[in-house]
Amino acid sequence: MEAIKALKRNEIVVQVNTTVTQQNYSQIGDVFALAEKLGAENFHLFFLVPTGRGARIEDITPDMYEKIITSSFSKSMQYNLNVKAVLCTPVHAHCTRNWN
């Protein structure tokens, strides 16, 4: 957090990236709030690609994907952040069809 503050003092744009997993799914709203509080301009959600080290991490369910993606678009209206969900699979694409 001190690094973000130092970047902001030096007028450097800050982006927070978060990979959504079973372990942090319920905390994503808190990460949104913290990113805004610290002055981040951008907030990008990434979704687990279960290869390499990611193969040992428990992915979220398709229903959780849909909920987190749709709620993230809604949260983008609440927070002063540029929000982007980085979508890589057909499950992700299905969730965003109505947002285009």
PDB file of N, CA and C in Angstrom:
ATOM      1  N   MET A   1       0.816  -1.186   0.000  1.00  0.00           N
ATOM      2  CA  MET A   1       0.000   0.000   0.000  1.00  0.00           C
ATOM      3  C   MET A   1       0.864   1.255   0.000  1.00  0.00           C
ATOM      4  N   GLU A   2       2.000   1.170   0.648  1.00  0.00           N
ATOM      5  CA  GLU A   2       2.907   2.320   0.646  1.00  0.00           C
ATOM      6  C   GLU A   2       3.414   2.602  -0.762  1.00  0.00           C
ATOM      7  N   ALA A   3       3.622   1.543  -1.541  1.00  0.00           N
ATOM      8  CA  ALA A   3       4.085   1.731  -2.921  1.00  0.00           C
ATOM      9  C   ALA A   3       3.036   2.480  -3.742  1.00  0.00           C
ATOM     10  N   ILE A   4       1.768   2.143  -3.558  1.00  0.00           N
ATOM     11  CA  ILE A   4       0.699   2.854  -4.283  1.00  0.00           C
ATOM     12  C   ILE A   4       0.690   4.319  -3.881  1.00  0.00           C
ATOM     13  N   LYS A   5       0.826   4.576  -2.603  1.00  0.00           N
ATOM     14  CA  LYS A   5       0.847   5.974  -2.138  1.00  0.00           C
ATOM     15  C   LYS A   5       2.021   6.737  -2.748  1.00  0.00           C
ATOM     16  N   ALA A   6       3.170   6.086  -2.829  1.00  0.00           N
ATOM     17  CA  ALA A   6       4.351   6.729  -3.424  1.00  0.00           C
ATOM     18  C   ALA A   6       4.131   7.005  -4.910  1.00  0.00           C
ATOM     19  N   LEU A   7       3.525   6.060  -5.607  1.00  0.00           N
ATOM     20  CA  LEU A   7       3.221   6.275  -7.018  1.00  0.00           C
ATOM     21  C   LEU A   7       2.270   7.453  -7.202  1.00  0.00           C
ATOM     22  N   LYS A   8       1.252   7.521  -6.373  1.00  0.00           N
ATOM     23  CA  LYS A   8       0.280   8.612  -6.469  1.00  0.00           C
ATOM     24  C   LYS A   8       0.937   9.961  -6.186  1.00  0.00           C
ATOM     25  N   ARG A   9       1.832  10.001  -5.195  1.00  0.00           N
ATOM     26  CA  ARG A   9       2.535  11.255  -4.885  1.00  0.00           C
ATOM     27  C   ARG A   9       3.334  11.741  -6.088  1.00  0.00           C
ATOM     28  N   ASN A  10       3.774  10.804  -6.898  1.00  0.00           N
ATOM     29  CA  ASN A  10       4.572  11.130  -8.079  1.00  0.00           C
ATOM     30  C   ASN A  10       3.738  11.163  -9.362  1.00  0.00           C
ATOM     31  N   GLU A  11       2.440  11.239  -9.182  1.00  0.00           N
ATOM     32  CA  GLU A  11       1.491  11.376 -10.286  1.00  0.00           C
ATOM     33  C   GLU A  11       1.594  10.265 -11.326  1.00  0.00           C
ATOM     34  N   ILE A  12       1.807   9.047 -10.846  1.00  0.00           N
ATOM     35  CA  ILE A  12       1.876   7.878 -11.715  1.00  0.00           C
ATOM     36  C   ILE A  12       0.536   7.135 -11.620  1.00  0.00           C
ATOM     37  N   VAL A  13      -0.017   6.793 -12.768  1.00  0.00           N
ATOM     38  CA  VAL A  13      -1.295   6.086 -12.816  1.00  0.00           C
ATOM     39  C   VAL A  13      -1.146   4.703 -12.184  1.00  0.00           C
ATOM     40  N   VAL A  14      -2.112   4.344 -11.341  1.00  0.00           N
ATOM     41  CA  VAL A  14      -2.073   3.072 -10.623  1.00  0.00           C
ATOM     42  C   VAL A  14      -3.200   2.170 -11.109  1.00  0.00           C
ATOM     43  N   GLN A  15      -2.836   0.917 -11.365  1.00  0.00           N
ATOM     44  CA  GLN A  15      -3.817  -0.098 -11.744  1.00  0.00           C
ATOM     45  C   GLN A  15      -3.702  -1.252 -10.765  1.00  0.00           C
ATOM     46  N   VAL A  16      -4.837  -1.712 -10.265  1.00  0.00           N
ATOM     47  CA  VAL A  16      -4.869  -2.870  -9.380  1.00  0.00           C
ATOM     48  C   VAL A  16      -5.401  -4.051 -10.186  1.00  0.00           C
ATOM     49  N   ASN A  17      -4.645  -5.145 -10.198  1.00  0.00           N
ATOM     50  CA  ASN A  17      -5.051  -6.388 -10.860  1.00  0.00           C
ATOM     51  C   ASN A  17      -5.352  -7.426  -9.795  1.00  0.00           C
ATOM     52  N   THR A  18      -6.439  -8.153  -9.973  1.00  0.00           N
ATOM     53  CA  THR A  18      -6.817  -9.191  -9.029  1.00  0.00           C
ATOM     54  C   THR A  18      -7.291 -10.417  -9.794  1.00  0.00           C
ATOM     55  N   THR A  19      -6.751 -11.575  -9.471  1.00  0.00           N
ATOM     56  CA  THR A  19      -7.245 -12.826 -10.038  1.00  0.00           C
ATOM     57  C   THR A  19      -8.281 -13.394  -9.086  1.00  0.00           C
ATOM     58  N   VAL A  20      -9.478 -13.672  -9.610  1.00  0.00           N
ATOM     59  CA  VAL A  20     -10.578 -14.182  -8.797  1.00  0.00           C
ATOM     60  C   VAL A  20     -10.424 -15.694  -8.623  1.00  0.00           C
ATOM     61  N   THR A  21     -10.464 -16.138  -7.362  1.00  0.00           N
ATOM     62  CA  THR A  21     -10.397 -17.562  -7.036  1.00  0.00           C
ATOM     63  C   THR A  21     -11.443 -17.863  -5.968  1.00  0.00           C
ATOM     64  N   GLN A  22     -11.606 -19.138  -5.654  1.00  0.00           N
ATOM     65  CA  GLN A  22     -12.507 -19.518  -4.559  1.00  0.00           C
ATOM     66  C   GLN A  22     -12.079 -18.837  -3.254  1.00  0.00           C
ATOM     67  N   GLN A  23     -10.774 -18.698  -3.063  1.00  0.00           N
ATOM     68  CA  GLN A  23     -10.255 -18.170  -1.805  1.00  0.00           C
ATOM     69  C   GLN A  23     -10.553 -16.680  -1.611  1.00  0.00           C
ATOM     70  N   ASN A  24     -10.654 -15.892  -2.686  1.00  0.00           N
ATOM     71  CA  ASN A  24     -10.864 -14.452  -2.508  1.00  0.00           C
ATOM     72  C   ASN A  24     -12.187 -13.940  -3.078  1.00  0.00           C
ATOM     73  N   TYR A  25     -13.006 -14.827  -3.607  1.00  0.00           N
ATOM     74  CA  TYR A  25     -14.261 -14.456  -4.251  1.00  0.00           C
ATOM     75  C   TYR A  25     -15.104 -13.515  -3.379  1.00  0.00           C
ATOM     76  N   SER A  26     -15.246 -13.844  -2.119  1.00  0.00           N
ATOM     77  CA  SER A  26     -16.109 -13.048  -1.230  1.00  0.00           C
ATOM     78  C   SER A  26     -15.460 -11.715  -0.839  1.00  0.00           C
ATOM     79  N   GLN A  27     -14.207 -11.492  -1.177  1.00  0.00           N
ATOM     80  CA  GLN A  27     -13.503 -10.273  -0.797  1.00  0.00           C
ATOM     81  C   GLN A  27     -13.333  -9.274  -1.936  1.00  0.00           C
ATOM     82  N   ILE A  28     -13.832  -9.590  -3.119  1.00  0.00           N
ATOM     83  CA  ILE A  28     -13.613  -8.726  -4.279  1.00  0.00           C
ATOM     84  C   ILE A  28     -14.213  -7.335  -4.063  1.00  0.00           C
ATOM     85  N   GLY A  29     -15.370  -7.254  -3.439  1.00  0.00           N
ATOM     86  CA  GLY A  29     -15.961  -5.946  -3.132  1.00  0.00           C
ATOM     87  C   GLY A  29     -15.049  -5.108  -2.249  1.00  0.00           C
ATOM     88  N   ASP A  30     -14.404  -5.742  -1.281  1.00  0.00           N
ATOM     89  CA  ASP A  30     -13.462  -5.037  -0.405  1.00  0.00           C
ATOM     90  C   ASP A  30     -12.240  -4.557  -1.188  1.00  0.00           C
ATOM     91  N   VAL A  31     -11.811  -5.343  -2.174  1.00  0.00           N
ATOM     92  CA  VAL A  31     -10.654  -4.951  -2.988  1.00  0.00           C
ATOM     93  C   VAL A  31     -11.016  -3.745  -3.859  1.00  0.00           C
ATOM     94  N   PHE A  32     -12.246  -3.729  -4.399  1.00  0.00           N
ATOM     95  CA  PHE A  32     -12.728  -2.549  -5.128  1.00  0.00           C
ATOM     96  C   PHE A  32     -12.604  -1.309  -4.248  1.00  0.00           C
ATOM     97  N   ALA A  33     -13.162  -1.398  -3.043  1.00  0.00           N
ATOM     98  CA  ALA A  33     -13.172  -0.254  -2.123  1.00  0.00           C
ATOM     99  C   ALA A  33     -11.758   0.186  -1.760  1.00  0.00           C
ATOM    100  N   LEU A  34     -10.885  -0.761  -1.497  1.00  0.00           N
ATOM    101  CA  LEU A  34      -9.509  -0.429  -1.140  1.00  0.00           C
ATOM    102  C   LEU A  34      -8.781   0.230  -2.312  1.00  0.00           C
ATOM    103  N   ALA A  35      -8.985  -0.306  -3.512  1.00  0.00           N
ATOM    104  CA  ALA A  35      -8.342   0.278  -4.694  1.00  0.00           C
ATOM    105  C   ALA A  35      -8.754   1.738  -4.864  1.00  0.00           C
ATOM    106  N   GLU A  36     -10.039   2.009  -4.693  1.00  0.00           N
ATOM    107  CA  GLU A  36     -10.506   3.394  -4.818  1.00  0.00           C
ATOM    108  C   GLU A  36      -9.948   4.267  -3.693  1.00  0.00           C
ATOM    109  N   LYS A  37      -9.975   3.746  -2.487  1.00  0.00           N
ATOM    110  CA  LYS A  37      -9.477   4.502  -1.331  1.00  0.00           C
ATOM    111  C   LYS A  37      -8.004   4.896  -1.512  1.00  0.00           C
ATOM    112  N   LEU A  38      -7.217   4.004  -2.097  1.00  0.00           N
ATOM    113  CA  LEU A  38      -5.799   4.263  -2.300  1.00  0.00           C
ATOM    114  C   LEU A  38      -5.529   5.143  -3.527  1.00  0.00           C
ATOM    115  N   GLY A  39      -6.577   5.414  -4.312  1.00  0.00           N
ATOM    116  CA  GLY A  39      -6.424   6.313  -5.453  1.00  0.00           C
ATOM    117  C   GLY A  39      -6.089   5.643  -6.770  1.00  0.00           C
ATOM    118  N   ALA A  40      -6.306   4.336  -6.854  1.00  0.00           N
ATOM    119  CA  ALA A  40      -6.063   3.652  -8.128  1.00  0.00           C
ATOM    120  C   ALA A  40      -7.033   4.193  -9.178  1.00  0.00           C
ATOM    121  N   GLU A  41      -6.575   4.260 -10.397  1.00  0.00           N
ATOM    122  CA  GLU A  41      -7.427   4.700 -11.496  1.00  0.00           C
ATOM    123  C   GLU A  41      -8.105   3.520 -12.179  1.00  0.00           C
ATOM    124  N   ASN A  42      -7.424   2.389 -12.198  1.00  0.00           N
ATOM    125  CA  ASN A  42      -7.898   1.220 -12.933  1.00  0.00           C
ATOM    126  C   ASN A  42      -7.974   0.005 -12.020  1.00  0.00           C
ATOM    127  N   PHE A  43      -8.993  -0.824 -12.267  1.00  0.00           N
ATOM    128  CA  PHE A  43      -9.169  -2.067 -11.515  1.00  0.00           C
ATOM    129  C   PHE A  43      -9.499  -3.160 -12.525  1.00  0.00           C
ATOM    130  N   HIS A  44      -8.593  -4.134 -12.659  1.00  0.00           N
ATOM    131  CA  HIS A  44      -8.797  -5.210 -13.619  1.00  0.00           C
ATOM    132  C   HIS A  44      -8.960  -6.541 -12.901  1.00  0.00           C
ATOM    133  N   LEU A  45     -10.045  -7.227 -13.240  1.00  0.00           N
ATOM    134  CA  LEU A  45     -10.298  -8.562 -12.715  1.00  0.00           C
ATOM    135  C   LEU A  45      -9.800  -9.580 -13.725  1.00  0.00           C
ATOM    136  N   PHE A  46      -9.017 -10.512 -13.251  1.00  0.00           N
ATOM    137  CA  PHE A  46      -8.542 -11.608 -14.081  1.00  0.00           C
ATOM    138  C   PHE A  46      -9.166 -12.891 -13.555  1.00  0.00           C
ATOM    139  N   PHE A  47      -9.286 -13.859 -14.431  1.00  0.00           N
ATOM    140  CA  PHE A  47      -9.894 -15.125 -14.041  1.00  0.00           C
ATOM    141  C   PHE A  47      -8.896 -16.243 -14.236  1.00  0.00           C
ATOM    142  N   LEU A  48      -8.949 -17.180 -13.342  1.00  0.00           N
ATOM    143  CA  LEU A  48      -7.968 -18.259 -13.263  1.00  0.00           C
ATOM    144  C   LEU A  48      -7.876 -19.044 -14.570  1.00  0.00           C
ATOM    145  N   VAL A  49      -6.672 -19.239 -15.005  1.00  0.00           N
ATOM    146  CA  VAL A  49      -6.376 -20.159 -16.097  1.00  0.00           C
ATOM    147  C   VAL A  49      -5.655 -21.323 -15.433  1.00  0.00           C
ATOM    148  N   PRO A  50      -6.344 -22.465 -15.289  1.00  0.00           N
ATOM    149  CA  PRO A  50      -5.800 -23.551 -14.469  1.00  0.00           C
ATOM    150  C   PRO A  50      -4.691 -24.355 -15.141  1.00  0.00           C
ATOM    151  N   THR A  51      -3.579 -23.688 -15.420  1.00  0.00           N
ATOM    152  CA  THR A  51      -2.393 -24.351 -15.956  1.00  0.00           C
ATOM    153  C   THR A  51      -1.206 -23.962 -15.084  1.00  0.00           C
ATOM    154  N   GLY A  52      -0.141 -24.705 -15.184  1.00  0.00           N
ATOM    155  CA  GLY A  52       1.042 -24.401 -14.374  1.00  0.00           C
ATOM    156  C   GLY A  52       0.687 -24.349 -12.892  1.00  0.00           C
ATOM    157  N   ARG A  53       1.164 -23.311 -12.209  1.00  0.00           N
ATOM    158  CA  ARG A  53       0.861 -23.173 -10.776  1.00  0.00           C
ATOM    159  C   ARG A  53      -0.627 -22.996 -10.528  1.00  0.00           C
ATOM    160  N   GLY A  54      -1.354 -22.437 -11.509  1.00  0.00           N
ATOM    161  CA  GLY A  54      -2.793 -22.237 -11.383  1.00  0.00           C
ATOM    162  C   GLY A  54      -3.585 -23.526 -11.334  1.00  0.00           C
ATOM    163  N   ALA A  55      -2.991 -24.631 -11.771  1.00  0.00           N
ATOM    164  CA  ALA A  55      -3.684 -25.920 -11.762  1.00  0.00           C
ATOM    165  C   ALA A  55      -3.968 -26.393 -10.342  1.00  0.00           C
ATOM    166  N   ARG A  56      -3.231 -25.879  -9.376  1.00  0.00           N
ATOM    167  CA  ARG A  56      -3.417 -26.287  -7.971  1.00  0.00           C
ATOM    168  C   ARG A  56      -4.404 -25.392  -7.231  1.00  0.00           C
ATOM    169  N   ILE A  57      -4.932 -24.362  -7.893  1.00  0.00           N
ATOM    170  CA  ILE A  57      -5.840 -23.405  -7.254  1.00  0.00           C
ATOM    171  C   ILE A  57      -7.262 -23.738  -7.659  1.00  0.00           C
ATOM    172  N   GLU A  58      -8.175 -23.689  -6.696  1.00  0.00           N
ATOM    173  CA  GLU A  58      -9.569 -24.017  -6.968  1.00  0.00           C
ATOM    174  C   GLU A  58     -10.263 -22.856  -7.688  1.00  0.00           C
ATOM    175  N   ASP A  59     -10.787 -23.137  -8.863  1.00  0.00           N
ATOM    176  CA  ASP A  59     -11.477 -22.132  -9.666  1.00  0.00           C
ATOM    177  C   ASP A  59     -12.888 -21.918  -9.127  1.00  0.00           C
ATOM    178  N   ILE A  60     -13.492 -20.796  -9.503  1.00  0.00           N
ATOM    179  CA  ILE A  60     -14.871 -20.531  -9.120  1.00  0.00           C
ATOM    180  C   ILE A  60     -15.811 -21.263 -10.071  1.00  0.00           C
ATOM    181  N   THR A  61     -17.061 -21.419  -9.662  1.00  0.00           N
ATOM    182  CA  THR A  61     -18.050 -22.129 -10.469  1.00  0.00           C
ATOM    183  C   THR A  61     -18.571 -21.222 -11.589  1.00  0.00           C
ATOM    184  N   PRO A  62     -19.187 -21.791 -12.624  1.00  0.00           N
ATOM    185  CA  PRO A  62     -19.774 -20.956 -13.674  1.00  0.00           C
ATOM    186  C   PRO A  62     -20.779 -19.936 -13.136  1.00  0.00           C
ATOM    187  N   ASP A  63     -21.574 -20.321 -12.152  1.00  0.00           N
ATOM    188  CA  ASP A  63     -22.525 -19.383 -11.547  1.00  0.00           C
ATOM    189  C   ASP A  63     -21.786 -18.231 -10.854  1.00  0.00           C
ATOM    190  N   MET A  64     -20.695 -18.548 -10.180  1.00  0.00           N
ATOM    191  CA  MET A  64     -19.896 -17.507  -9.520  1.00  0.00           C
ATOM    192  C   MET A  64     -19.268 -16.578 -10.549  1.00  0.00           C
ATOM    193  N   TYR A  65     -18.824 -17.145 -11.695  1.00  0.00           N
ATOM    194  CA  TYR A  65     -18.293 -16.300 -12.776  1.00  0.00           C
ATOM    195  C   TYR A  65     -19.331 -15.270 -13.185  1.00  0.00           C
ATOM    196  N   GLU A  66     -20.538 -15.746 -13.451  1.00  0.00           N
ATOM    197  CA  GLU A  66     -21.582 -14.838 -13.911  1.00  0.00           C
ATOM    198  C   GLU A  66     -21.875 -13.767 -12.870  1.00  0.00           C
ATOM    199  N   LYS A  67     -21.968 -14.164 -11.605  1.00  0.00           N
ATOM    200  CA  LYS A  67     -22.260 -13.194 -10.539  1.00  0.00           C
ATOM    201  C   LYS A  67     -21.142 -12.165 -10.383  1.00  0.00           C
ATOM    202  N   ILE A  68     -19.893 -12.600 -10.400  1.00  0.00           N
ATOM    203  CA  ILE A  68     -18.789 -11.655 -10.174  1.00  0.00           C
ATOM    204  C   ILE A  68     -18.637 -10.713 -11.358  1.00  0.00           C
ATOM    205  N   ILE A  69     -18.858 -11.208 -12.561  1.00  0.00           N
ATOM    206  CA  ILE A  69     -18.729 -10.341 -13.734  1.00  0.00           C
ATOM    207  C   ILE A  69     -19.849  -9.312 -13.762  1.00  0.00           C
ATOM    208  N   THR A  70     -21.075  -9.742 -13.570  1.00  0.00           N
ATOM    209  CA  THR A  70     -22.180  -8.780 -13.608  1.00  0.00           C
ATOM    210  C   THR A  70     -22.108  -7.803 -12.441  1.00  0.00           C
ATOM    211  N   SER A  71     -21.729  -8.278 -11.262  1.00  0.00           N
ATOM    212  CA  SER A  71     -21.624  -7.357 -10.124  1.00  0.00           C
ATOM    213  C   SER A  71     -20.455  -6.389 -10.312  1.00  0.00           C
ATOM    214  N   SER A  72     -19.404  -6.825 -10.993  1.00  0.00           N
ATOM    215  CA  SER A  72     -18.270  -5.936 -11.238  1.00  0.00           C
ATOM    216  C   SER A  72     -18.655  -4.799 -12.172  1.00  0.00           C
ATOM    217  N   PHE A  73     -19.449  -5.092 -13.191  1.00  0.00           N
ATOM    218  CA  PHE A  73     -19.910  -4.025 -14.066  1.00  0.00           C
ATOM    219  C   PHE A  73     -20.788  -3.054 -13.290  1.00  0.00           C
ATOM    220  N   SER A  74     -21.620  -3.566 -12.389  1.00  0.00           N
ATOM    221  CA  SER A  74     -22.449  -2.695 -11.546  1.00  0.00           C
ATOM    222  C   SER A  74     -21.578  -1.860 -10.621  1.00  0.00           C
ATOM    223  N   LYS A  75     -20.564  -2.480 -10.026  1.00  0.00           N
ATOM    224  CA  LYS A  75     -19.665  -1.765  -9.118  1.00  0.00           C
ATOM    225  C   LYS A  75     -18.897  -0.663  -9.847  1.00  0.00           C
ATOM    226  N   SER A  76     -18.670  -0.852 -11.140  1.00  0.00           N
ATOM    227  CA  SER A  76     -17.937   0.171 -11.883  1.00  0.00           C
ATOM    228  C   SER A  76     -18.708   1.483 -11.902  1.00  0.00           C
ATOM    229  N   MET A  77     -20.017   1.430 -11.687  1.00  0.00           N
ATOM    230  CA  MET A  77     -20.831   2.647 -11.602  1.00  0.00           C
ATOM    231  C   MET A  77     -20.711   3.295 -10.213  1.00  0.00           C
ATOM    232  N   GLN A  78     -20.435   2.477  -9.196  1.00  0.00           N
ATOM    233  CA  GLN A  78     -20.333   2.947  -7.809  1.00  0.00           C
ATOM    234  C   GLN A  78     -19.004   3.604  -7.498  1.00  0.00           C
ATOM    235  N   TYR A  79     -17.948   3.035  -8.031  1.00  0.00           N
ATOM    236  CA  TYR A  79     -16.600   3.459  -7.674  1.00  0.00           C
ATOM    237  C   TYR A  79     -15.990   4.334  -8.757  1.00  0.00           C
ATOM    238  N   ASN A  80     -15.074   5.173  -8.366  1.00  0.00           N
ATOM    239  CA  ASN A  80     -14.379   6.035  -9.303  1.00  0.00           C
ATOM    240  C   ASN A  80     -13.160   5.280  -9.858  1.00  0.00           C
ATOM    241  N   LEU A  81     -13.450   4.182 -10.554  1.00  0.00           N
ATOM    242  CA  LEU A  81     -12.413   3.311 -11.103  1.00  0.00           C
ATOM    243  C   LEU A  81     -12.787   2.916 -12.525  1.00  0.00           C
ATOM    244  N   ASN A  82     -11.798   2.774 -13.374  1.00  0.00           N
ATOM    245  CA  ASN A  82     -12.011   2.171 -14.686  1.00  0.00           C
ATOM    246  C   ASN A  82     -11.920   0.665 -14.468  1.00  0.00           C
ATOM    247  N   VAL A  83     -13.031  -0.034 -14.653  1.00  0.00           N
ATOM    248  CA  VAL A  83     -13.088  -1.464 -14.356  1.00  0.00           C
ATOM    249  C   VAL A  83     -13.058  -2.258 -15.651  1.00  0.00           C
ATOM    250  N   LYS A  84     -12.241  -3.304 -15.650  1.00  0.00           N
ATOM    251  CA  LYS A  84     -12.162  -4.187 -16.806  1.00  0.00           C
ATOM    252  C   LYS A  84     -12.096  -5.618 -16.299  1.00  0.00           C
ATOM    253  N   ALA A  85     -12.962  -6.453 -16.845  1.00  0.00           N
ATOM    254  CA  ALA A  85     -12.880  -7.885 -16.568  1.00  0.00           C
ATOM    255  C   ALA A  85     -12.149  -8.508 -17.746  1.00  0.00           C
ATOM    256  N   VAL A  86     -11.018  -9.138 -17.489  1.00  0.00           N
ATOM    257  CA  VAL A  86     -10.208  -9.734 -18.545  1.00  0.00           C
ATOM    258  C   VAL A  86     -10.741 -11.141 -18.776  1.00  0.00           C
ATOM    259  N   LEU A  87     -11.419 -11.305 -19.904  1.00  0.00           N
ATOM    260  CA  LEU A  87     -12.170 -12.526 -20.179  1.00  0.00           C
ATOM    261  C   LEU A  87     -11.444 -13.407 -21.181  1.00  0.00           C
ATOM    262  N   CYS A  88     -11.324 -14.690 -20.845  1.00  0.00           N
ATOM    263  CA  CYS A  88     -10.521 -15.580 -21.681  1.00  0.00           C
ATOM    264  C   CYS A  88     -11.269 -16.826 -22.156  1.00  0.00           C
ATOM    265  N   THR A  89     -12.443 -17.123 -21.620  1.00  0.00           N
ATOM    266  CA  THR A  89     -13.099 -18.387 -21.947  1.00  0.00           C
ATOM    267  C   THR A  89     -14.535 -18.157 -22.402  1.00  0.00           C
ATOM    268  N   PRO A  90     -15.172 -19.174 -22.993  1.00  0.00           N
ATOM    269  CA  PRO A  90     -16.579 -19.038 -23.385  1.00  0.00           C
ATOM    270  C   PRO A  90     -17.501 -18.697 -22.211  1.00  0.00           C
ATOM    271  N   VAL A  91     -17.197 -19.201 -21.017  1.00  0.00           N
ATOM    272  CA  VAL A  91     -18.005 -18.868 -19.843  1.00  0.00           C
ATOM    273  C   VAL A  91     -17.988 -17.365 -19.631  1.00  0.00           C
ATOM    274  N   HIS A  92     -16.827 -16.750 -19.722  1.00  0.00           N
ATOM    275  CA  HIS A  92     -16.709 -15.309 -19.527  1.00  0.00           C
ATOM    276  C   HIS A  92     -17.469 -14.556 -20.604  1.00  0.00           C
ATOM    277  N   ALA A  93     -17.328 -14.980 -21.845  1.00  0.00           N
ATOM    278  CA  ALA A  93     -17.978 -14.289 -22.957  1.00  0.00           C
ATOM    279  C   ALA A  93     -19.489 -14.329 -22.801  1.00  0.00           C
ATOM    280  N   HIS A  94     -20.023 -15.443 -22.361  1.00  0.00           N
ATOM    281  CA  HIS A  94     -21.463 -15.567 -22.138  1.00  0.00           C
ATOM    282  C   HIS A  94     -21.958 -14.515 -21.144  1.00  0.00           C
ATOM    283  N   CYS A  95     -21.205 -14.268 -20.110  1.00  0.00           N
ATOM    284  CA  CYS A  95     -21.610 -13.340 -19.051  1.00  0.00           C
ATOM    285  C   CYS A  95     -21.641 -11.895 -19.523  1.00  0.00           C
ATOM    286  N   THR A  96     -20.892 -11.568 -20.542  1.00  0.00           N
ATOM    287  CA  THR A  96     -20.780 -10.165 -20.937  1.00  0.00           C
ATOM    288  C   THR A  96     -21.565  -9.808 -22.183  1.00  0.00           C
ATOM    289  N   ARG A  97     -22.243 -10.737 -22.783  1.00  0.00           N
ATOM    290  CA  ARG A  97     -22.992 -10.448 -24.021  1.00  0.00           C
ATOM    291  C   ARG A  97     -23.939  -9.272 -23.850  1.00  0.00           C
ATOM    292  N   ASN A  98     -24.611  -9.185 -22.704  1.00  0.00           N
ATOM    293  CA  ASN A  98     -25.583  -8.118 -22.481  1.00  0.00           C
ATOM    294  C   ASN A  98     -24.944  -6.776 -22.132  1.00  0.00           C
ATOM    295  N   TRP A  99     -23.634  -6.745 -21.931  1.00  0.00           N
ATOM    296  CA  TRP A  99     -22.972  -5.504 -21.517  1.00  0.00           C
ATOM    297  C   TRP A  99     -22.361  -4.761 -22.691  1.00  0.00           C
ATOM    298  N   ASN A 100     -22.361  -5.341 -23.858  1.00  0.00           N
ATOM    299  CA  ASN A 100     -21.750  -4.699 -25.034  1.00  0.00           C
ATOM    300  C   ASN A 100     -22.704  -3.739 -25.692  1.00  0.00           C
TER     301      ASN A 100
END
